[in-house]
């Protein structure tokens, strides 16, 4: 038996803000968008490299305030990329954790926490 990688489902409450943050700031791409009908909540799949995330407007799919960890091969380059975008709602630093990992931590517009990290 083999297990695949989990795909976190993060709650969103505003599609435009989600696009601005995940596509514009973090550099993800949309893999798919799904609605049961035109007025239904959106369920959207995103990816950047091997990292896959799902965002959902559906009540009960996820809760704001969760935290996920995403490994990144070059945290310095990722941090520089984010800072160059001059995104006014999030200007993260690079944190060094007590166990030696270096992290760029961001909070999305809906309260979910994403910790991009490289272990040392």
N, C-alpha and C. Protein backbone atom coordinates (compact mmCIF):
# COMPACT_ATOMS: atom_id res chain seq x y z
N UNK A 1 0.84 -1.17 0.00
CA UNK A 1 0.00 0.00 0.00
C UNK A 1 0.89 1.24 0.00
N UNK A 2 0.52 2.23 -0.81
CA UNK A 2 1.24 3.49 -0.87
C UNK A 2 0.29 4.63 -0.59
N UNK A 3 0.81 5.66 0.04
CA UNK A 3 0.05 6.87 0.30
C UNK A 3 0.61 8.00 -0.55
N UNK A 4 -0.25 8.87 -1.02
CA UNK A 4 0.20 10.05 -1.74
C UNK A 4 0.35 11.22 -0.80
N UNK A 5 0.77 12.34 -1.33
CA UNK A 5 0.91 13.56 -0.54
C UNK A 5 -0.47 14.14 -0.25
N UNK A 6 -0.66 14.65 0.96
CA UNK A 6 -1.94 15.29 1.28
C UNK A 6 -2.09 16.61 0.53
N UNK A 7 -3.32 16.99 0.29
CA UNK A 7 -3.61 18.29 -0.31
C UNK A 7 -4.47 19.06 0.68
N UNK A 8 -3.89 20.07 1.34
CA UNK A 8 -4.66 20.85 2.30
C UNK A 8 -5.80 21.61 1.62
N UNK A 9 -6.92 21.70 2.31
CA UNK A 9 -8.04 22.51 1.86
C UNK A 9 -8.12 23.70 2.81
N UNK A 10 -7.98 24.90 2.25
CA UNK A 10 -8.00 26.13 3.03
C UNK A 10 -9.28 26.89 2.73
N UNK A 11 -9.85 27.50 3.74
CA UNK A 11 -11.11 28.24 3.58
C UNK A 11 -10.81 29.60 2.97
N UNK A 12 -11.68 30.03 2.09
CA UNK A 12 -11.63 31.40 1.55
C UNK A 12 -13.02 32.01 1.63
N UNK A 13 -13.06 33.32 1.77
CA UNK A 13 -14.33 34.03 1.88
C UNK A 13 -14.51 35.08 0.79
N UNK A 14 -13.46 35.32 0.00
CA UNK A 14 -13.51 36.33 -1.05
C UNK A 14 -12.57 35.87 -2.16
N UNK A 15 -13.14 35.54 -3.31
CA UNK A 15 -12.36 34.98 -4.42
C UNK A 15 -11.30 35.97 -4.91
N UNK A 16 -11.66 37.24 -5.04
CA UNK A 16 -10.69 38.23 -5.54
C UNK A 16 -9.50 38.37 -4.59
N UNK A 17 -9.76 38.41 -3.29
CA UNK A 17 -8.66 38.49 -2.32
C UNK A 17 -7.81 37.22 -2.35
N UNK A 18 -8.46 36.08 -2.52
CA UNK A 18 -7.72 34.81 -2.61
C UNK A 18 -6.81 34.82 -3.83
N UNK A 19 -7.31 35.27 -4.96
CA UNK A 19 -6.49 35.33 -6.18
C UNK A 19 -5.31 36.30 -6.00
N UNK A 20 -5.58 37.46 -5.41
CA UNK A 20 -4.53 38.45 -5.20
C UNK A 20 -3.41 37.85 -4.34
N UNK A 21 -3.78 37.14 -3.27
CA UNK A 21 -2.80 36.58 -2.35
C UNK A 21 -2.09 35.36 -2.94
N UNK A 22 -2.86 34.35 -3.33
CA UNK A 22 -2.26 33.08 -3.75
C UNK A 22 -1.62 33.14 -5.14
N UNK A 23 -2.25 33.84 -6.07
CA UNK A 23 -1.70 33.92 -7.43
C UNK A 23 -0.72 35.08 -7.54
N UNK A 24 -1.15 36.26 -7.13
CA UNK A 24 -0.32 37.45 -7.28
C UNK A 24 0.87 37.48 -6.35
N UNK A 25 0.65 37.21 -5.06
CA UNK A 25 1.72 37.32 -4.08
C UNK A 25 2.56 36.05 -3.99
N UNK A 26 1.91 34.89 -3.78
CA UNK A 26 2.66 33.65 -3.58
C UNK A 26 3.09 32.96 -4.88
N UNK A 27 2.50 33.33 -6.00
CA UNK A 27 2.93 32.78 -7.28
C UNK A 27 2.36 31.43 -7.65
N UNK A 28 1.23 31.05 -7.06
CA UNK A 28 0.58 29.81 -7.43
C UNK A 28 -0.17 29.98 -8.74
N UNK A 29 -0.52 28.87 -9.38
CA UNK A 29 -1.33 28.85 -10.60
C UNK A 29 -2.61 28.08 -10.32
N UNK A 30 -3.66 28.43 -11.05
CA UNK A 30 -4.94 27.73 -10.91
C UNK A 30 -4.91 26.47 -11.74
N UNK A 31 -5.20 25.33 -11.10
CA UNK A 31 -5.31 24.05 -11.80
C UNK A 31 -6.74 23.78 -12.25
N UNK A 32 -7.69 24.16 -11.41
CA UNK A 32 -9.11 23.99 -11.76
C UNK A 32 -9.96 24.87 -10.88
N UNK A 33 -11.18 25.13 -11.34
CA UNK A 33 -12.21 25.82 -10.57
C UNK A 33 -13.50 25.04 -10.74
N UNK A 34 -14.25 24.87 -9.65
CA UNK A 34 -15.49 24.09 -9.73
C UNK A 34 -16.59 24.76 -8.92
N UNK A 35 -17.76 24.83 -9.53
CA UNK A 35 -18.99 25.30 -8.87
C UNK A 35 -20.11 24.35 -9.31
N UNK A 36 -21.01 24.05 -8.39
CA UNK A 36 -22.15 23.19 -8.72
C UNK A 36 -23.12 23.89 -9.66
N UNK A 37 -23.22 25.22 -9.55
CA UNK A 37 -24.02 26.06 -10.42
C UNK A 37 -23.44 27.47 -10.34
N UNK A 38 -23.83 28.40 -11.21
CA UNK A 38 -23.17 29.71 -11.25
C UNK A 38 -23.14 30.49 -9.93
N UNK A 39 -24.14 30.31 -9.08
CA UNK A 39 -24.17 31.04 -7.81
C UNK A 39 -23.62 30.24 -6.64
N UNK A 40 -23.10 29.06 -6.89
CA UNK A 40 -22.58 28.20 -5.82
C UNK A 40 -21.19 28.69 -5.37
N UNK A 41 -20.78 28.29 -4.17
CA UNK A 41 -19.44 28.62 -3.71
C UNK A 41 -18.39 27.99 -4.62
N UNK A 42 -17.23 28.63 -4.68
CA UNK A 42 -16.14 28.16 -5.52
C UNK A 42 -15.25 27.19 -4.76
N UNK A 43 -14.81 26.15 -5.46
CA UNK A 43 -13.78 25.23 -4.99
C UNK A 43 -12.68 25.28 -6.04
N UNK A 44 -11.45 25.61 -5.62
CA UNK A 44 -10.39 25.88 -6.58
C UNK A 44 -9.12 25.13 -6.20
N UNK A 45 -8.46 24.54 -7.20
CA UNK A 45 -7.19 23.87 -6.98
C UNK A 45 -6.05 24.73 -7.48
N UNK A 46 -4.99 24.83 -6.66
CA UNK A 46 -3.82 25.63 -6.99
C UNK A 46 -2.57 24.78 -6.92
N UNK A 47 -1.54 25.22 -7.62
CA UNK A 47 -0.25 24.53 -7.49
C UNK A 47 0.88 25.51 -7.77
N UNK A 48 2.00 25.16 -7.18
CA UNK A 48 3.27 25.81 -7.48
C UNK A 48 4.32 24.73 -7.31
N UNK A 49 4.92 24.32 -8.40
CA UNK A 49 5.83 23.18 -8.35
C UNK A 49 5.06 21.96 -7.89
N UNK A 50 5.62 21.25 -6.92
CA UNK A 50 4.98 20.04 -6.39
C UNK A 50 3.94 20.34 -5.31
N UNK A 51 3.88 21.60 -4.86
CA UNK A 51 2.93 21.98 -3.81
C UNK A 51 1.53 22.17 -4.40
N UNK A 52 0.57 21.48 -3.83
CA UNK A 52 -0.82 21.60 -4.25
C UNK A 52 -1.66 22.04 -3.06
N UNK A 53 -2.56 23.00 -3.30
CA UNK A 53 -3.50 23.48 -2.30
C UNK A 53 -4.88 23.55 -2.93
N UNK A 54 -5.89 23.36 -2.12
CA UNK A 54 -7.26 23.61 -2.55
C UNK A 54 -7.82 24.73 -1.68
N UNK A 55 -8.58 25.62 -2.31
CA UNK A 55 -9.27 26.70 -1.60
C UNK A 55 -10.76 26.49 -1.77
N UNK A 56 -11.50 26.71 -0.71
CA UNK A 56 -12.94 26.45 -0.77
C UNK A 56 -13.74 27.56 -0.10
N UNK A 57 -14.82 27.97 -0.76
CA UNK A 57 -15.80 28.87 -0.16
C UNK A 57 -16.90 28.09 0.56
N UNK A 58 -16.89 26.77 0.45
CA UNK A 58 -17.94 25.94 1.03
C UNK A 58 -17.84 25.90 2.55
N UNK A 59 -18.95 26.17 3.21
CA UNK A 59 -19.02 26.10 4.67
C UNK A 59 -18.70 24.67 5.11
N UNK A 60 -17.81 24.55 6.08
CA UNK A 60 -17.49 23.24 6.63
C UNK A 60 -16.32 22.54 5.98
N UNK A 61 -15.78 23.06 4.87
CA UNK A 61 -14.64 22.41 4.22
C UNK A 61 -13.34 22.60 4.99
N UNK A 62 -13.22 23.70 5.70
CA UNK A 62 -12.01 23.98 6.46
C UNK A 62 -12.31 25.10 7.43
N UNK A 63 -11.38 25.36 8.31
CA UNK A 63 -11.54 26.43 9.29
C UNK A 63 -10.40 27.42 9.17
N UNK A 64 -10.70 28.71 9.27
CA UNK A 64 -9.62 29.70 9.30
C UNK A 64 -8.72 29.44 10.51
N UNK A 65 -7.48 29.81 10.39
CA UNK A 65 -6.55 29.68 11.50
C UNK A 65 -5.71 28.42 11.48
N UNK A 66 -5.92 27.55 10.51
CA UNK A 66 -5.09 26.34 10.45
C UNK A 66 -3.68 26.72 10.03
N UNK A 67 -2.76 25.82 10.22
CA UNK A 67 -1.37 26.04 9.81
C UNK A 67 -0.92 24.86 8.97
N UNK A 68 -0.21 25.16 7.89
CA UNK A 68 0.40 24.12 7.07
C UNK A 68 1.87 24.48 6.87
N UNK A 69 2.68 23.48 6.62
CA UNK A 69 4.11 23.66 6.37
C UNK A 69 4.42 23.20 4.95
N UNK A 70 5.15 24.03 4.22
CA UNK A 70 5.49 23.76 2.82
C UNK A 70 7.01 23.84 2.66
N UNK A 71 7.66 22.72 2.30
CA UNK A 71 9.11 22.78 2.08
C UNK A 71 9.44 23.55 0.81
N UNK A 72 10.52 24.33 0.89
CA UNK A 72 11.01 25.12 -0.23
C UNK A 72 12.51 24.88 -0.33
N UNK A 73 13.03 24.67 -1.53
CA UNK A 73 14.45 24.34 -1.68
C UNK A 73 15.36 25.55 -1.44
N UNK A 74 14.90 26.76 -1.78
CA UNK A 74 15.72 27.96 -1.62
C UNK A 74 14.88 29.04 -0.95
N UNK A 75 14.90 29.07 0.37
CA UNK A 75 14.07 30.00 1.13
C UNK A 75 14.50 31.45 0.89
N UNK A 76 15.80 31.68 0.68
CA UNK A 76 16.27 33.05 0.43
C UNK A 76 15.73 33.59 -0.89
N UNK A 77 15.73 32.78 -1.93
CA UNK A 77 15.21 33.21 -3.23
C UNK A 77 13.70 33.44 -3.14
N UNK A 78 12.99 32.55 -2.44
CA UNK A 78 11.54 32.71 -2.28
C UNK A 78 11.24 33.99 -1.51
N UNK A 79 11.96 34.23 -0.43
CA UNK A 79 11.76 35.45 0.35
C UNK A 79 12.02 36.69 -0.50
N UNK A 80 13.10 36.70 -1.26
CA UNK A 80 13.41 37.84 -2.13
C UNK A 80 12.31 38.06 -3.15
N UNK A 81 11.77 36.98 -3.70
CA UNK A 81 10.67 37.07 -4.67
C UNK A 81 9.46 37.75 -4.03
N UNK A 82 9.10 37.31 -2.83
CA UNK A 82 7.95 37.90 -2.14
C UNK A 82 8.18 39.37 -1.84
N UNK A 83 9.35 39.70 -1.34
CA UNK A 83 9.63 41.09 -0.98
C UNK A 83 9.64 42.00 -2.20
N UNK A 84 10.06 41.50 -3.35
CA UNK A 84 10.08 42.30 -4.57
C UNK A 84 8.68 42.66 -5.04
N UNK A 85 7.70 41.89 -4.63
CA UNK A 85 6.31 42.16 -5.05
C UNK A 85 5.70 43.32 -4.28
N UNK A 86 6.30 43.69 -3.15
CA UNK A 86 5.84 44.82 -2.35
C UNK A 86 4.34 44.73 -2.02
N UNK A 87 3.91 43.54 -1.66
CA UNK A 87 2.51 43.28 -1.31
C UNK A 87 2.21 43.99 0.01
N UNK A 88 1.28 44.92 0.00
CA UNK A 88 1.09 45.79 1.16
C UNK A 88 0.49 45.10 2.37
N UNK A 89 -0.08 43.92 2.22
CA UNK A 89 -0.73 43.26 3.35
C UNK A 89 0.14 42.23 4.05
N UNK A 90 1.34 41.96 3.51
CA UNK A 90 2.18 40.93 4.11
C UNK A 90 3.63 41.16 3.70
N UNK A 91 4.48 41.40 4.66
CA UNK A 91 5.91 41.62 4.41
C UNK A 91 6.69 40.70 5.35
N UNK A 92 6.72 39.40 5.05
CA UNK A 92 7.32 38.45 5.99
C UNK A 92 8.84 38.53 6.02
N UNK A 93 9.39 38.12 7.14
CA UNK A 93 10.83 37.99 7.27
C UNK A 93 11.20 36.52 7.16
N UNK A 94 12.46 36.24 7.41
CA UNK A 94 12.92 34.85 7.51
C UNK A 94 13.19 34.59 8.99
N UNK A 95 12.47 33.63 9.55
CA UNK A 95 12.63 33.27 10.96
C UNK A 95 13.48 32.02 11.08
N UNK A 96 14.34 32.00 12.09
CA UNK A 96 15.14 30.81 12.38
C UNK A 96 14.53 30.15 13.60
N UNK A 97 14.07 28.92 13.40
CA UNK A 97 13.39 28.20 14.47
C UNK A 97 14.41 27.56 15.41
N UNK A 98 14.02 27.26 16.65
CA UNK A 98 14.96 26.66 17.61
C UNK A 98 15.59 25.36 17.12
N UNK A 99 14.91 24.62 16.25
CA UNK A 99 15.45 23.35 15.74
C UNK A 99 16.30 23.56 14.48
N UNK A 100 16.50 24.82 14.07
CA UNK A 100 17.39 25.13 12.96
C UNK A 100 16.72 25.41 11.63
N UNK A 101 15.46 25.09 11.48
CA UNK A 101 14.77 25.37 10.21
C UNK A 101 14.67 26.88 10.01
N UNK A 102 14.73 27.30 8.75
CA UNK A 102 14.51 28.70 8.39
C UNK A 102 13.16 28.78 7.69
N UNK A 103 12.33 29.73 8.13
CA UNK A 103 10.94 29.80 7.67
C UNK A 103 10.56 31.20 7.22
N UNK A 104 9.71 31.23 6.20
CA UNK A 104 8.97 32.43 5.81
C UNK A 104 7.52 32.12 6.12
N UNK A 105 6.97 32.84 7.09
CA UNK A 105 5.61 32.56 7.53
C UNK A 105 4.67 33.66 7.06
N UNK A 106 3.58 33.25 6.41
CA UNK A 106 2.57 34.20 5.93
C UNK A 106 1.21 33.76 6.44
N UNK A 107 0.33 34.73 6.55
CA UNK A 107 -1.07 34.46 6.91
C UNK A 107 -1.92 34.96 5.76
N UNK A 108 -2.79 34.09 5.26
CA UNK A 108 -3.63 34.49 4.12
C UNK A 108 -4.72 35.44 4.60
N UNK A 109 -5.47 36.07 3.69
CA UNK A 109 -6.50 37.04 4.08
C UNK A 109 -7.62 36.46 4.92
N UNK A 110 -7.66 35.14 5.08
CA UNK A 110 -8.76 34.48 5.79
C UNK A 110 -8.30 33.83 7.08
N UNK A 111 -7.03 34.05 7.46
CA UNK A 111 -6.53 33.58 8.74
C UNK A 111 -5.76 32.28 8.71
N UNK A 112 -5.57 31.66 7.56
CA UNK A 112 -4.78 30.43 7.48
C UNK A 112 -3.30 30.79 7.45
N UNK A 113 -2.50 30.00 8.16
CA UNK A 113 -1.07 30.25 8.28
C UNK A 113 -0.29 29.26 7.42
N UNK A 114 0.62 29.79 6.60
CA UNK A 114 1.43 28.96 5.74
C UNK A 114 2.89 29.21 6.11
N UNK A 115 3.58 28.14 6.48
CA UNK A 115 4.99 28.22 6.87
C UNK A 115 5.81 27.57 5.76
N UNK A 116 6.47 28.39 4.96
CA UNK A 116 7.39 27.90 3.94
C UNK A 116 8.73 27.72 4.65
N UNK A 117 9.39 26.59 4.47
CA UNK A 117 10.59 26.34 5.26
C UNK A 117 11.63 25.57 4.48
N UNK A 118 12.85 25.69 4.97
CA UNK A 118 13.96 24.83 4.54
C UNK A 118 14.65 24.37 5.81
N UNK A 119 14.89 23.09 5.91
CA UNK A 119 15.59 22.55 7.07
C UNK A 119 17.09 22.72 6.86
N UNK A 120 17.81 22.89 7.95
CA UNK A 120 19.28 23.04 7.82
C UNK A 120 19.98 21.83 8.36
